[in-house]
N, C-alpha and C. Protein backbone atom coordinates (compact mmCIF):
# COMPACT_ATOMS: atom_id res chain seq x y z
N MET A 1 -59.60 68.83 54.13
CA MET A 1 -59.06 67.50 54.38
C MET A 1 -59.70 66.95 55.56
N ASP A 2 -60.06 65.70 55.45
CA ASP A 2 -60.83 65.05 56.64
C ASP A 2 -60.04 63.96 57.26
N GLU A 3 -58.78 63.86 56.92
CA GLU A 3 -57.98 62.75 57.31
C GLU A 3 -57.57 62.77 58.71
N LYS A 4 -57.54 61.82 59.51
CA LYS A 4 -57.28 61.68 60.94
C LYS A 4 -55.91 61.13 61.15
N ILE A 5 -55.18 61.86 61.95
CA ILE A 5 -53.75 61.50 62.24
C ILE A 5 -53.57 61.39 63.71
N LEU A 6 -52.79 60.32 64.05
CA LEU A 6 -52.44 60.16 65.51
C LEU A 6 -50.91 60.46 65.56
N VAL A 7 -50.58 61.31 66.69
CA VAL A 7 -49.27 61.80 66.94
C VAL A 7 -48.88 61.18 68.31
N VAL A 8 -47.83 60.50 68.32
CA VAL A 8 -47.24 59.83 69.62
C VAL A 8 -45.90 60.29 69.87
N ASN A 9 -45.79 61.05 71.02
CA ASN A 9 -44.54 61.66 71.43
C ASN A 9 -44.54 61.88 72.92
N SER A 10 -43.47 61.66 73.52
CA SER A 10 -43.37 61.74 74.95
C SER A 10 -43.21 63.23 75.47
N GLU A 11 -43.13 64.18 74.56
CA GLU A 11 -42.94 65.62 75.02
C GLU A 11 -44.31 66.40 74.70
N LYS A 12 -44.98 66.74 75.88
CA LYS A 12 -46.24 67.49 75.74
C LYS A 12 -46.19 68.76 74.92
N ASP A 13 -45.16 69.56 74.99
CA ASP A 13 -45.08 70.75 74.13
C ASP A 13 -44.99 70.43 72.75
N PHE A 14 -44.30 69.31 72.37
CA PHE A 14 -44.27 68.95 70.95
C PHE A 14 -45.69 68.51 70.46
N LEU A 15 -46.25 67.71 71.32
CA LEU A 15 -47.71 67.37 70.94
C LEU A 15 -48.59 68.50 70.69
N ASP A 16 -48.56 69.48 71.54
CA ASP A 16 -49.31 70.72 71.43
C ASP A 16 -48.98 71.41 70.21
N MET A 17 -47.77 71.57 69.77
CA MET A 17 -47.31 72.25 68.50
C MET A 17 -47.79 71.45 67.32
N MET A 18 -47.77 70.03 67.39
CA MET A 18 -48.12 69.26 66.21
C MET A 18 -49.65 69.32 66.12
N ARG A 19 -50.39 69.35 67.21
CA ARG A 19 -51.84 69.47 67.14
C ARG A 19 -52.30 70.78 66.41
N ARG A 20 -51.53 71.94 66.87
CA ARG A 20 -51.88 73.20 66.23
C ARG A 20 -51.61 73.16 64.68
N THR A 21 -50.35 72.79 64.48
CA THR A 21 -49.81 72.75 63.05
C THR A 21 -50.68 71.86 62.12
N LEU A 22 -50.99 70.63 62.58
CA LEU A 22 -51.74 69.75 61.73
C LEU A 22 -53.16 70.09 61.61
N THR A 23 -53.72 70.63 62.67
CA THR A 23 -55.14 71.08 62.60
C THR A 23 -55.26 72.24 61.59
N LEU A 24 -54.28 73.27 61.70
CA LEU A 24 -54.37 74.28 60.77
C LEU A 24 -54.24 73.80 59.28
N ALA A 25 -53.55 72.80 59.15
CA ALA A 25 -53.32 72.20 57.74
C ALA A 25 -54.59 71.37 57.31
N GLY A 26 -55.59 71.32 58.20
CA GLY A 26 -56.79 70.57 57.82
C GLY A 26 -56.97 69.27 58.21
N PHE A 27 -56.04 68.62 59.09
CA PHE A 27 -56.09 67.31 59.54
C PHE A 27 -56.93 67.26 60.87
N LYS A 28 -57.53 66.14 61.19
CA LYS A 28 -58.15 65.87 62.47
C LYS A 28 -57.01 65.14 63.23
N VAL A 29 -56.74 65.55 64.45
CA VAL A 29 -55.62 65.11 65.20
C VAL A 29 -55.83 64.57 66.52
N ASP A 30 -55.37 63.45 66.88
CA ASP A 30 -55.34 62.88 68.16
C ASP A 30 -53.86 62.83 68.58
N THR A 31 -53.56 63.09 69.94
CA THR A 31 -52.29 62.99 70.38
C THR A 31 -52.15 62.25 71.66
N THR A 32 -51.01 61.61 71.92
CA THR A 32 -50.85 60.93 73.22
C THR A 32 -49.36 60.82 73.46
N GLU A 33 -49.06 60.83 74.77
CA GLU A 33 -47.65 60.70 75.21
C GLU A 33 -47.35 59.24 75.48
N ASN A 34 -48.38 58.50 75.56
CA ASN A 34 -48.25 57.11 76.02
C ASN A 34 -48.45 56.12 74.87
N PRO A 35 -47.43 55.34 74.51
CA PRO A 35 -47.58 54.33 73.46
C PRO A 35 -48.75 53.33 73.65
N SER A 36 -48.96 52.90 74.91
CA SER A 36 -50.06 52.08 75.18
C SER A 36 -51.33 52.58 74.83
N ASP A 37 -51.51 53.89 75.16
CA ASP A 37 -52.77 54.63 74.85
C ASP A 37 -52.85 54.73 73.25
N ALA A 38 -51.78 54.92 72.61
CA ALA A 38 -51.73 55.03 71.17
C ALA A 38 -52.26 53.78 70.59
N LEU A 39 -51.85 52.57 71.00
CA LEU A 39 -52.37 51.30 70.58
C LEU A 39 -53.81 51.09 70.79
N LYS A 40 -54.27 51.61 71.93
CA LYS A 40 -55.75 51.60 72.11
C LYS A 40 -56.55 52.48 71.24
N LEU A 41 -56.00 53.60 70.93
CA LEU A 41 -56.57 54.54 69.97
C LEU A 41 -56.58 53.93 68.50
N ILE A 42 -55.54 53.38 68.22
CA ILE A 42 -55.48 52.70 66.92
C ILE A 42 -56.50 51.66 66.69
N LYS A 43 -56.77 50.88 67.77
CA LYS A 43 -57.83 49.87 67.74
C LYS A 43 -59.18 50.48 67.65
N LYS A 44 -59.44 51.63 68.30
CA LYS A 44 -60.78 52.30 68.31
C LYS A 44 -61.02 53.19 67.21
N GLU A 45 -60.06 53.90 66.75
CA GLU A 45 -60.28 55.04 65.79
C GLU A 45 -59.74 54.50 64.41
N ASN A 46 -60.02 55.30 63.39
CA ASN A 46 -59.63 54.99 61.95
C ASN A 46 -58.66 56.18 61.53
N HIS A 47 -57.47 55.97 62.03
CA HIS A 47 -56.41 57.03 61.74
C HIS A 47 -55.83 56.62 60.31
N LYS A 48 -55.72 57.54 59.41
CA LYS A 48 -55.12 57.44 58.25
C LYS A 48 -53.59 57.21 58.33
N LEU A 49 -53.02 57.94 59.41
CA LEU A 49 -51.59 57.95 59.52
C LEU A 49 -51.20 58.10 61.00
N VAL A 50 -50.15 57.42 61.43
CA VAL A 50 -49.66 57.51 62.75
C VAL A 50 -48.23 58.11 62.69
N VAL A 51 -48.07 59.24 63.41
CA VAL A 51 -46.74 59.90 63.34
C VAL A 51 -46.19 59.70 64.78
N ALA A 52 -44.99 58.96 64.90
CA ALA A 52 -44.42 58.63 66.16
C ALA A 52 -42.94 59.06 66.21
N ASP A 53 -42.58 59.43 67.37
CA ASP A 53 -41.13 59.69 67.64
C ASP A 53 -40.36 58.37 67.90
N THR A 54 -39.12 58.25 67.38
CA THR A 54 -38.41 57.09 67.53
C THR A 54 -37.82 56.97 69.04
N ASN A 55 -37.88 58.10 69.78
CA ASN A 55 -37.36 58.00 71.14
C ASN A 55 -38.46 58.06 72.20
N LEU A 56 -39.38 57.14 72.15
CA LEU A 56 -40.43 57.00 73.11
C LEU A 56 -39.83 56.50 74.46
N SER A 57 -40.37 56.91 75.57
CA SER A 57 -39.83 56.42 76.79
C SER A 57 -40.11 54.93 77.08
N ARG A 58 -41.34 54.55 76.71
CA ARG A 58 -41.77 53.14 77.19
C ARG A 58 -41.64 52.02 76.17
N ILE A 59 -41.29 52.34 74.92
CA ILE A 59 -41.21 51.44 73.89
C ILE A 59 -40.30 51.94 72.76
N ASN A 60 -39.54 50.98 72.20
CA ASN A 60 -38.68 51.47 71.05
C ASN A 60 -39.56 51.46 69.73
N CYS A 61 -39.04 52.14 68.79
CA CYS A 61 -39.89 52.36 67.58
C CYS A 61 -40.11 50.97 66.81
N ILE A 62 -39.15 50.04 66.97
CA ILE A 62 -39.39 48.73 66.21
C ILE A 62 -40.56 48.04 66.86
N LYS A 63 -40.57 47.99 68.17
CA LYS A 63 -41.73 47.31 68.89
C LYS A 63 -43.15 48.04 68.56
N LEU A 64 -43.05 49.36 68.52
CA LEU A 64 -44.14 50.12 68.24
C LEU A 64 -44.79 49.80 66.90
N VAL A 65 -43.87 49.85 65.86
CA VAL A 65 -44.29 49.62 64.55
C VAL A 65 -44.88 48.12 64.40
N LYS A 66 -44.17 47.16 65.09
CA LYS A 66 -44.63 45.81 65.05
C LYS A 66 -46.10 45.72 65.62
N LYS A 67 -46.31 46.42 66.76
CA LYS A 67 -47.57 46.22 67.43
C LYS A 67 -48.63 47.00 66.68
N ILE A 68 -48.29 48.15 66.05
CA ILE A 68 -49.33 48.91 65.18
C ILE A 68 -49.73 47.95 64.06
N LYS A 69 -48.67 47.32 63.38
CA LYS A 69 -49.00 46.49 62.17
C LYS A 69 -49.72 45.17 62.62
N ALA A 70 -49.52 44.76 63.94
CA ALA A 70 -50.30 43.59 64.41
C ALA A 70 -51.78 43.97 64.51
N ILE A 71 -52.03 45.15 64.96
CA ILE A 71 -53.41 45.53 65.13
C ILE A 71 -54.06 45.77 63.72
N ASN A 72 -53.36 46.43 62.76
CA ASN A 72 -53.84 46.66 61.51
C ASN A 72 -52.70 46.68 60.45
N PRO A 73 -52.52 45.59 59.80
CA PRO A 73 -51.42 45.42 58.84
C PRO A 73 -51.30 46.49 57.75
N ILE A 74 -52.37 47.24 57.50
CA ILE A 74 -52.26 48.31 56.49
C ILE A 74 -52.19 49.66 57.22
N SER A 75 -51.85 49.63 58.39
CA SER A 75 -51.67 50.97 59.18
C SER A 75 -50.48 51.66 58.58
N ASN A 76 -50.47 52.95 58.53
CA ASN A 76 -49.32 53.73 57.91
C ASN A 76 -48.72 54.61 58.92
N VAL A 77 -47.41 54.38 59.01
CA VAL A 77 -46.62 55.02 60.13
C VAL A 77 -45.51 55.85 59.59
N VAL A 78 -45.45 57.10 60.10
CA VAL A 78 -44.20 58.00 59.74
C VAL A 78 -43.47 58.15 61.13
N LEU A 79 -42.19 57.96 61.02
CA LEU A 79 -41.40 58.17 62.29
C LEU A 79 -40.59 59.48 62.18
N LEU A 80 -40.46 60.04 63.28
CA LEU A 80 -39.62 61.24 63.55
C LEU A 80 -38.27 60.72 64.05
N LEU A 81 -37.22 61.02 63.36
CA LEU A 81 -36.01 60.47 63.79
C LEU A 81 -34.82 61.40 63.93
N THR A 82 -33.89 61.01 64.78
CA THR A 82 -32.64 61.80 64.78
C THR A 82 -31.55 61.05 64.19
N TYR A 83 -30.39 61.60 63.94
CA TYR A 83 -29.29 60.93 63.25
C TYR A 83 -29.05 59.56 63.77
N ASN A 84 -29.12 59.38 65.06
CA ASN A 84 -28.77 58.13 65.77
C ASN A 84 -29.79 56.94 65.48
N ASP A 85 -30.86 57.31 64.96
CA ASP A 85 -31.93 56.36 64.76
C ASP A 85 -31.90 55.58 63.43
N ARG A 86 -30.91 55.78 62.62
CA ARG A 86 -31.01 55.14 61.30
C ARG A 86 -31.05 53.66 61.28
N LYS A 87 -30.37 53.03 62.12
CA LYS A 87 -30.41 51.55 62.19
C LYS A 87 -31.83 50.98 62.47
N ASP A 88 -32.49 51.68 63.42
CA ASP A 88 -33.84 51.23 63.81
C ASP A 88 -34.82 51.52 62.58
N VAL A 89 -34.63 52.67 61.98
CA VAL A 89 -35.55 53.01 60.92
C VAL A 89 -35.40 51.94 59.75
N ILE A 90 -34.26 51.52 59.49
CA ILE A 90 -34.03 50.47 58.46
C ILE A 90 -34.91 49.20 58.77
N GLU A 91 -34.87 48.87 60.08
CA GLU A 91 -35.56 47.74 60.51
C GLU A 91 -37.17 48.02 60.38
N CYS A 92 -37.54 49.26 60.64
CA CYS A 92 -38.94 49.66 60.69
C CYS A 92 -39.41 49.67 59.18
N ILE A 93 -38.47 50.05 58.26
CA ILE A 93 -38.95 50.09 56.85
C ILE A 93 -39.17 48.56 56.36
N LYS A 94 -38.40 47.70 56.90
CA LYS A 94 -38.67 46.27 56.52
C LYS A 94 -39.99 45.85 57.17
N LEU A 95 -40.49 46.46 58.14
CA LEU A 95 -41.82 46.07 58.78
C LEU A 95 -42.92 46.78 58.13
N GLY A 96 -42.64 47.71 57.24
CA GLY A 96 -43.70 48.33 56.51
C GLY A 96 -43.84 49.88 56.85
N LEU A 97 -42.81 50.46 57.40
CA LEU A 97 -42.90 51.94 57.68
C LEU A 97 -43.24 52.71 56.39
N THR A 98 -44.12 53.63 56.51
CA THR A 98 -44.63 54.41 55.39
C THR A 98 -43.54 55.52 54.99
N ASP A 99 -43.03 56.14 56.00
CA ASP A 99 -42.00 57.27 55.65
C ASP A 99 -41.41 57.63 57.02
N PHE A 100 -40.43 58.55 56.85
CA PHE A 100 -39.79 59.06 58.04
C PHE A 100 -39.35 60.50 57.71
N PHE A 101 -39.20 61.26 58.85
CA PHE A 101 -38.92 62.72 58.74
C PHE A 101 -37.81 63.06 59.83
N PRO A 102 -36.86 63.86 59.47
CA PRO A 102 -35.83 64.22 60.49
C PRO A 102 -36.37 65.14 61.67
N LYS A 103 -35.84 64.93 62.77
CA LYS A 103 -36.25 65.69 63.94
C LYS A 103 -34.96 66.34 64.49
N PRO A 104 -34.92 67.60 64.95
CA PRO A 104 -36.05 68.42 65.08
C PRO A 104 -36.71 68.90 63.72
N ILE A 105 -37.96 69.13 63.77
CA ILE A 105 -38.57 69.62 62.45
C ILE A 105 -38.32 71.09 62.28
N SER A 106 -37.45 71.31 61.26
CA SER A 106 -37.11 72.73 61.01
C SER A 106 -37.98 73.33 59.95
N ASP A 107 -38.69 72.60 59.14
CA ASP A 107 -39.60 73.26 58.11
C ASP A 107 -40.95 72.56 58.25
N GLU A 108 -41.83 73.27 58.91
CA GLU A 108 -43.09 72.72 59.18
C GLU A 108 -43.93 72.57 57.92
N LYS A 109 -43.81 73.44 56.85
CA LYS A 109 -44.42 73.38 55.59
C LYS A 109 -44.14 72.07 54.94
N LEU A 110 -42.79 71.84 54.91
CA LEU A 110 -42.37 70.59 54.29
C LEU A 110 -42.76 69.33 54.96
N PHE A 111 -42.85 69.35 56.35
CA PHE A 111 -43.38 68.27 57.15
C PHE A 111 -44.82 68.07 56.80
N VAL A 112 -45.68 69.07 56.71
CA VAL A 112 -47.09 68.90 56.45
C VAL A 112 -47.21 68.35 55.07
N GLN A 113 -46.44 68.89 54.08
CA GLN A 113 -46.59 68.48 52.74
C GLN A 113 -46.17 66.90 52.68
N THR A 114 -45.17 66.49 53.43
CA THR A 114 -44.78 65.05 53.53
C THR A 114 -45.93 64.27 54.00
N LEU A 115 -46.61 64.72 55.04
CA LEU A 115 -47.77 63.99 55.52
C LEU A 115 -48.95 63.90 54.43
N LYS A 116 -49.12 65.02 53.85
CA LYS A 116 -50.22 65.02 52.78
C LYS A 116 -49.81 64.04 51.63
N ASN A 117 -48.56 64.08 51.26
CA ASN A 117 -48.07 63.12 50.18
C ASN A 117 -48.22 61.70 50.57
N CYS A 118 -48.02 61.40 51.89
CA CYS A 118 -48.25 60.07 52.37
C CYS A 118 -49.63 59.61 52.29
N ILE A 119 -50.56 60.54 52.73
CA ILE A 119 -51.98 60.31 52.71
C ILE A 119 -52.45 60.10 51.27
N TYR A 120 -51.92 60.98 50.39
CA TYR A 120 -52.36 60.82 48.98
C TYR A 120 -51.90 59.41 48.43
N LYS A 121 -50.68 59.04 48.69
CA LYS A 121 -50.23 57.70 48.27
C LYS A 121 -51.13 56.58 48.91
N ILE A 122 -51.45 56.69 50.07
CA ILE A 122 -52.22 55.75 50.90
C ILE A 122 -53.61 55.58 50.22
N SER A 123 -54.24 56.79 50.01
CA SER A 123 -55.57 56.85 49.37
C SER A 123 -55.58 56.28 47.97
N ARG A 124 -54.57 56.54 47.15
CA ARG A 124 -54.42 55.99 45.89
C ARG A 124 -54.37 54.46 45.93
N TRP A 125 -53.55 54.02 46.86
CA TRP A 125 -53.28 52.61 47.11
C TRP A 125 -54.69 52.01 47.45
N GLU A 126 -55.40 52.48 48.49
CA GLU A 126 -56.66 51.93 48.94
C GLU A 126 -57.64 51.97 47.72
N ASP A 127 -57.68 53.01 47.02
CA ASP A 127 -58.62 53.16 45.88
C ASP A 127 -58.34 52.02 44.84
N SER A 128 -57.11 51.82 44.58
CA SER A 128 -56.80 50.91 43.51
C SER A 128 -57.16 49.31 44.03
N ILE A 129 -56.83 49.11 45.27
CA ILE A 129 -57.03 47.82 45.89
C ILE A 129 -58.63 47.58 46.04
N LEU A 130 -59.20 48.69 46.61
CA LEU A 130 -60.61 48.41 46.93
C LEU A 130 -61.62 48.81 45.83
N GLY A 131 -61.05 49.34 44.72
CA GLY A 131 -61.79 49.74 43.60
C GLY A 131 -62.83 50.83 43.87
N ASN A 132 -62.56 51.68 44.84
CA ASN A 132 -63.51 52.76 45.11
C ASN A 132 -63.61 53.83 44.09
N LYS A 133 -62.49 54.13 43.44
CA LYS A 133 -62.46 55.32 42.65
C LYS A 133 -61.68 55.02 41.26
N ASP A 134 -61.89 55.77 40.30
CA ASP A 134 -61.01 55.64 39.17
C ASP A 134 -59.64 56.17 39.47
N VAL A 135 -58.68 55.38 39.55
CA VAL A 135 -57.34 55.79 39.92
C VAL A 135 -56.55 56.26 38.77
N ALA A 136 -57.07 56.26 37.59
CA ALA A 136 -56.46 56.77 36.36
C ALA A 136 -56.38 58.24 36.32
N LYS A 137 -57.11 58.87 37.08
CA LYS A 137 -57.24 60.36 37.18
C LYS A 137 -55.95 61.01 37.52
C-alpha cells in the first residue's frame, strides 16, 4: 500500500504508536501535534486520509474539519472520539467527515482495517468520478 496518512494528535506517545502501527500496515505516515502544521502539510502533501483527535488543544474538531475541507473539499477525515464527543461528530458528519473511531483504540487491527476500508471507498469513488479504472471489478 502506497497511501499517505496524516495523523494529528496532541500526545507525542500516541503519534509515535500510530506511526509504528500504520507504517507496519503499509501506509506512509506523517504526524504532527500542531493543527496549524497539519493544515500546512495538507496544502503541501497529497494525504489520502487525515486521522485527527477530537480533543486537540489548539482547535476543536469542527473547526479543523471545516479548515481541511476549505483547503481541499474532497479531503477525507477520520476522527478519534471519546464518548463525550458525539455532538461534535454529528456536526462533522454534516461537514463531510469520512468516518470515526472510538478512543482509546483497543483493537489496532480493527482500526487499521477501518482505515484501509476508508481508503478503498475513497479510491473507488475517485476512480468512478475521474474514470481512471474500471470500477465494475
